[in-house]
């Protein structure tokens, strides 16, 4: 895969039963993988491997910035990150144990839904693409 920066998002609606494993192949381009809920910033450089919960908000941002800004990624600048990505099934007991995953499963709600969703505090949730903060589904951030 490749990206030229990435706004804050989560991939939980499509990959809720997985953990992501990304291996970055590009040279250091002054970008970080940022997880705003924890403040964790991982400098992206060739050989960096990251395993994470795709349901957690994350973005690829310019190193030193306070968040995502499209102006940090002009098309004429070589800022494309190339990486390999694959998913690890967390329902596999060995993977869940290794990653220290605890499941909190609501079995009633999914039976009522017609598509995969991420819920937070009992309601559908999305991520503000500018801040990475959780918000109720649909309202502006």
C-alpha atoms as a PDB file:
ATOM      1  CA  UNK A   1       0.000   0.000   0.000  1.00  0.00           C
ATOM      2  CA  UNK A   2       0.985   3.640  -0.198  1.00  0.00           C
ATOM      3  CA  UNK A   3      -0.170   6.915   1.311  1.00  0.00           C
ATOM      4  CA  UNK A   4       0.678  10.587   1.104  1.00  0.00           C
ATOM      5  CA  UNK A   5      -0.257  11.436   4.657  1.00  0.00           C
ATOM      6  CA  UNK A   6      -3.510  10.147   6.085  1.00  0.00           C
ATOM      7  CA  UNK A   7      -6.245  12.039   7.903  1.00  0.00           C
ATOM      8  CA  UNK A   8      -7.337  10.714  11.263  1.00  0.00           C
ATOM      9  CA  UNK A   9      -9.495   7.646  10.844  1.00  0.00           C
ATOM     10  CA  UNK A  10     -10.095   4.157  12.146  1.00  0.00           C
ATOM     11  CA  UNK A  11     -10.453   0.935  10.215  1.00  0.00           C
ATOM     12  CA  UNK A  12     -12.544  -0.857  12.836  1.00  0.00           C
ATOM     13  CA  UNK A  13     -15.748  -1.110  10.810  1.00  0.00           C
ATOM     14  CA  UNK A  14     -14.016  -3.319   8.246  1.00  0.00           C
ATOM     15  CA  UNK A  15     -11.269  -4.920  10.329  1.00  0.00           C
ATOM     16  CA  UNK A  16     -12.787  -5.153  13.815  1.00  0.00           C
ATOM     17  CA  UNK A  17     -11.711  -8.752  14.277  1.00  0.00           C
ATOM     18  CA  UNK A  18      -8.135  -8.094  13.229  1.00  0.00           C
ATOM     19  CA  UNK A  19      -4.933  -6.468  14.354  1.00  0.00           C
ATOM     20  CA  UNK A  20      -2.997  -4.565  11.689  1.00  0.00           C
ATOM     21  CA  UNK A  21       0.636  -5.256  11.043  1.00  0.00           C
ATOM     22  CA  UNK A  22       2.367  -2.639   8.876  1.00  0.00           C
ATOM     23  CA  UNK A  23       5.960  -2.778   7.674  1.00  0.00           C
ATOM     24  CA  UNK A  24       7.182   0.538   6.278  1.00  0.00           C
ATOM     25  CA  UNK A  25       9.437   0.337   3.224  1.00  0.00           C
ATOM     26  CA  UNK A  26      10.127   4.023   2.482  1.00  0.00           C
ATOM     27  CA  UNK A  27      13.086   5.982   3.735  1.00  0.00           C
ATOM     28  CA  UNK A  28      12.375   8.427   6.569  1.00  0.00           C
ATOM     29  CA  UNK A  29      10.299  11.239   5.068  1.00  0.00           C
ATOM     30  CA  UNK A  30       9.719  13.134   8.307  1.00  0.00           C
ATOM     31  CA  UNK A  31       6.356  11.528   9.027  1.00  0.00           C
ATOM     32  CA  UNK A  32       4.882   9.830  12.072  1.00  0.00           C
ATOM     33  CA  UNK A  33       2.079   7.370  12.658  1.00  0.00           C
ATOM     34  CA  UNK A  34       0.066   9.215  15.331  1.00  0.00           C
ATOM     35  CA  UNK A  35      -2.423   7.756  17.806  1.00  0.00           C
ATOM     36  CA  UNK A  36      -4.134  10.827  19.350  1.00  0.00           C
ATOM     37  CA  UNK A  37      -5.841   8.968  22.214  1.00  0.00           C
ATOM     38  CA  UNK A  38      -2.467   8.063  23.701  1.00  0.00           C
ATOM     39  CA  UNK A  39      -0.244  10.715  22.117  1.00  0.00           C
ATOM     40  CA  UNK A  40       1.964   7.946  20.706  1.00  0.00           C
ATOM     41  CA  UNK A  41       3.943   9.031  17.631  1.00  0.00           C
ATOM     42  CA  UNK A  42       5.936   6.424  15.752  1.00  0.00           C
ATOM     43  CA  UNK A  43       8.547   7.805  13.332  1.00  0.00           C
ATOM     44  CA  UNK A  44       8.104   6.100   9.970  1.00  0.00           C
ATOM     45  CA  UNK A  45      11.256   4.851   8.308  1.00  0.00           C
ATOM     46  CA  UNK A  46      12.342   1.817   6.326  1.00  0.00           C
ATOM     47  CA  UNK A  47      12.036  -1.283   8.501  1.00  0.00           C
ATOM     48  CA  UNK A  48       9.613   0.153  11.071  1.00  0.00           C
ATOM     49  CA  UNK A  49       7.025  -2.489  11.928  1.00  0.00           C
ATOM     50  CA  UNK A  50       3.852  -1.597  13.813  1.00  0.00           C
ATOM     51  CA  UNK A  51       1.148  -3.915  15.141  1.00  0.00           C
ATOM     52  CA  UNK A  52      -1.992  -2.110  16.294  1.00  0.00           C
ATOM     53  CA  UNK A  53      -5.745  -2.190  16.779  1.00  0.00           C
ATOM     54  CA  UNK A  54      -7.283  -0.781  13.573  1.00  0.00           C
ATOM     55  CA  UNK A  55     -10.250   0.432  15.637  1.00  0.00           C
ATOM     56  CA  UNK A  56      -8.055   3.033  17.328  1.00  0.00           C
ATOM     57  CA  UNK A  57      -7.964   6.470  15.659  1.00  0.00           C
ATOM     58  CA  UNK A  58      -4.693   7.046  13.822  1.00  0.00           C
ATOM     59  CA  UNK A  59      -3.142   9.206  11.101  1.00  0.00           C
ATOM     60  CA  UNK A  60       0.084   9.706   9.183  1.00  0.00           C
ATOM     61  CA  UNK A  61       1.189  13.244  10.001  1.00  0.00           C
ATOM     62  CA  UNK A  62       4.208  15.438   9.462  1.00  0.00           C
ATOM     63  CA  UNK A  63       6.819  15.045  12.205  1.00  0.00           C
ATOM     64  CA  UNK A  64       6.725  18.015  14.546  1.00  0.00           C
ATOM     65  CA  UNK A  65       3.150  18.957  13.642  1.00  0.00           C
ATOM     66  CA  UNK A  66       0.324  18.880  16.147  1.00  0.00           C
ATOM     67  CA  UNK A  67      -2.015  16.980  13.790  1.00  0.00           C
ATOM     68  CA  UNK A  68      -2.924  16.277  10.206  1.00  0.00           C
ATOM     69  CA  UNK A  69      -2.709  19.150   7.717  1.00  0.00           C
ATOM     70  CA  UNK A  70      -3.052  18.409   3.989  1.00  0.00           C
ATOM     71  CA  UNK A  71      -0.707  21.348   3.266  1.00  0.00           C
ATOM     72  CA  UNK A  72       2.112  19.281   4.847  1.00  0.00           C
ATOM     73  CA  UNK A  73       1.837  16.846   1.921  1.00  0.00           C
ATOM     74  CA  UNK A  74       2.114  18.759  -1.372  1.00  0.00           C
ATOM     75  CA  UNK A  75       1.886  16.558  -4.454  1.00  0.00           C
ATOM     76  CA  UNK A  76       5.166  17.894  -5.879  1.00  0.00           C
ATOM     77  CA  UNK A  77       7.114  16.769  -2.788  1.00  0.00           C
ATOM     78  CA  UNK A  78       8.176  13.112  -2.552  1.00  0.00           C
ATOM     79  CA  UNK A  79       6.357  12.255   0.653  1.00  0.00           C
ATOM     80  CA  UNK A  80       4.704   8.983  -0.295  1.00  0.00           C
ATOM     81  CA  UNK A  81       4.968   6.232   2.291  1.00  0.00           C
ATOM     82  CA  UNK A  82       5.052   2.695   0.906  1.00  0.00           C
ATOM     83  CA  UNK A  83       4.252  -0.126   3.294  1.00  0.00           C
ATOM     84  CA  UNK A  84       3.208  -3.743   3.451  1.00  0.00           C
ATOM     85  CA  UNK A  85       0.124  -4.448   5.504  1.00  0.00           C
ATOM     86  CA  UNK A  86      -1.572  -7.585   6.654  1.00  0.00           C
ATOM     87  CA  UNK A  87      -4.166  -8.507   9.202  1.00  0.00           C
ATOM     88  CA  UNK A  88      -3.788 -10.841  12.159  1.00  0.00           C
ATOM     89  CA  UNK A  89      -7.043 -12.531  13.301  1.00  0.00           C
ATOM     90  CA  UNK A  90      -7.502 -11.668  16.976  1.00  0.00           C
ATOM     91  CA  UNK A  91      -9.974 -14.503  17.468  1.00  0.00           C
ATOM     92  CA  UNK A  92      -6.914 -16.756  17.287  1.00  0.00           C
ATOM     93  CA  UNK A  93      -6.196 -17.468  20.964  1.00  0.00           C
ATOM     94  CA  UNK A  94      -2.400 -17.285  20.511  1.00  0.00           C
ATOM     95  CA  UNK A  95      -2.565 -13.877  18.820  1.00  0.00           C
ATOM     96  CA  UNK A  96      -5.045 -12.507  21.390  1.00  0.00           C
ATOM     97  CA  UNK A  97      -2.857 -13.702  24.247  1.00  0.00           C
ATOM     98  CA  UNK A  98       0.364 -12.347  22.703  1.00  0.00           C
ATOM     99  CA  UNK A  99      -1.232  -8.933  22.057  1.00  0.00           C
ATOM    100  CA  UNK A 100      -2.928  -8.988  25.502  1.00  0.00           C
ATOM    101  CA  UNK A 101      -6.390  -8.511  23.995  1.00  0.00           C
ATOM    102  CA  UNK A 102      -9.429  -8.681  26.264  1.00  0.00           C
ATOM    103  CA  UNK A 103     -12.788  -8.979  24.558  1.00  0.00           C
ATOM    104  CA  UNK A 104     -15.875  -7.055  25.666  1.00  0.00           C
ATOM    105  CA  UNK A 105     -18.488  -8.458  23.335  1.00  0.00           C
ATOM    106  CA  UNK A 106     -22.062  -7.234  23.089  1.00  0.00           C
ATOM    107  CA  UNK A 107     -23.864 -10.155  21.470  1.00  0.00           C
ATOM    108  CA  UNK A 108     -27.322  -8.538  21.251  1.00  0.00           C
ATOM    109  CA  UNK A 109     -26.605  -5.338  19.281  1.00  0.00           C
ATOM    110  CA  UNK A 110     -24.803  -6.872  16.261  1.00  0.00           C
ATOM    111  CA  UNK A 111     -27.812  -9.076  15.543  1.00  0.00           C
ATOM    112  CA  UNK A 112     -29.851  -5.902  14.935  1.00  0.00           C
ATOM    113  CA  UNK A 113     -27.395  -4.269  12.504  1.00  0.00           C
ATOM    114  CA  UNK A 114     -27.261  -4.612   8.727  1.00  0.00           C
ATOM    115  CA  UNK A 115     -23.633  -3.460   8.425  1.00  0.00           C
ATOM    116  CA  UNK A 116     -20.465  -3.437  10.520  1.00  0.00           C
ATOM    117  CA  UNK A 117     -20.132  -0.439  12.827  1.00  0.00           C
ATOM    118  CA  UNK A 118     -17.966   0.916  15.598  1.00  0.00           C
ATOM    119  CA  UNK A 119     -19.847   1.898  18.736  1.00  0.00           C
ATOM    120  CA  UNK A 120     -18.646   3.939  21.686  1.00  0.00           C
ATOM    121  CA  UNK A 121     -20.617   4.497  24.869  1.00  0.00           C
ATOM    122  CA  UNK A 122     -23.664   2.753  23.415  1.00  0.00           C
ATOM    123  CA  UNK A 123     -23.973   4.693  20.125  1.00  0.00           C
ATOM    124  CA  UNK A 124     -22.386   4.526  16.655  1.00  0.00           C
ATOM    125  CA  UNK A 125     -19.179   6.543  16.563  1.00  0.00           C
ATOM    126  CA  UNK A 126     -16.796   7.994  14.018  1.00  0.00           C
ATOM    127  CA  UNK A 127     -13.485   9.841  14.137  1.00  0.00           C
ATOM    128  CA  UNK A 128     -13.034  13.547  13.450  1.00  0.00           C
ATOM    129  CA  UNK A 129     -10.585  13.566  10.488  1.00  0.00           C
ATOM    130  CA  UNK A 130      -8.918  16.758  11.735  1.00  0.00           C
ATOM    131  CA  UNK A 131      -8.366  15.938  15.417  1.00  0.00           C
ATOM    132  CA  UNK A 132      -8.644  12.167  15.726  1.00  0.00           C
ATOM    133  CA  UNK A 133     -11.186  12.533  18.534  1.00  0.00           C
ATOM    134  CA  UNK A 134     -14.176  10.226  18.774  1.00  0.00           C
ATOM    135  CA  UNK A 135     -17.544  11.777  17.986  1.00  0.00           C
ATOM    136  CA  UNK A 136     -21.114  10.614  17.697  1.00  0.00           C
ATOM    137  CA  UNK A 137     -21.877   9.492  14.168  1.00  0.00           C
ATOM    138  CA  UNK A 138     -22.623  12.301  11.669  1.00  0.00           C
ATOM    139  CA  UNK A 139     -22.286  15.633  13.562  1.00  0.00           C
ATOM    140  CA  UNK A 140     -19.442  17.906  12.393  1.00  0.00           C
ATOM    141  CA  UNK A 141     -16.288  17.930  14.502  1.00  0.00           C
END
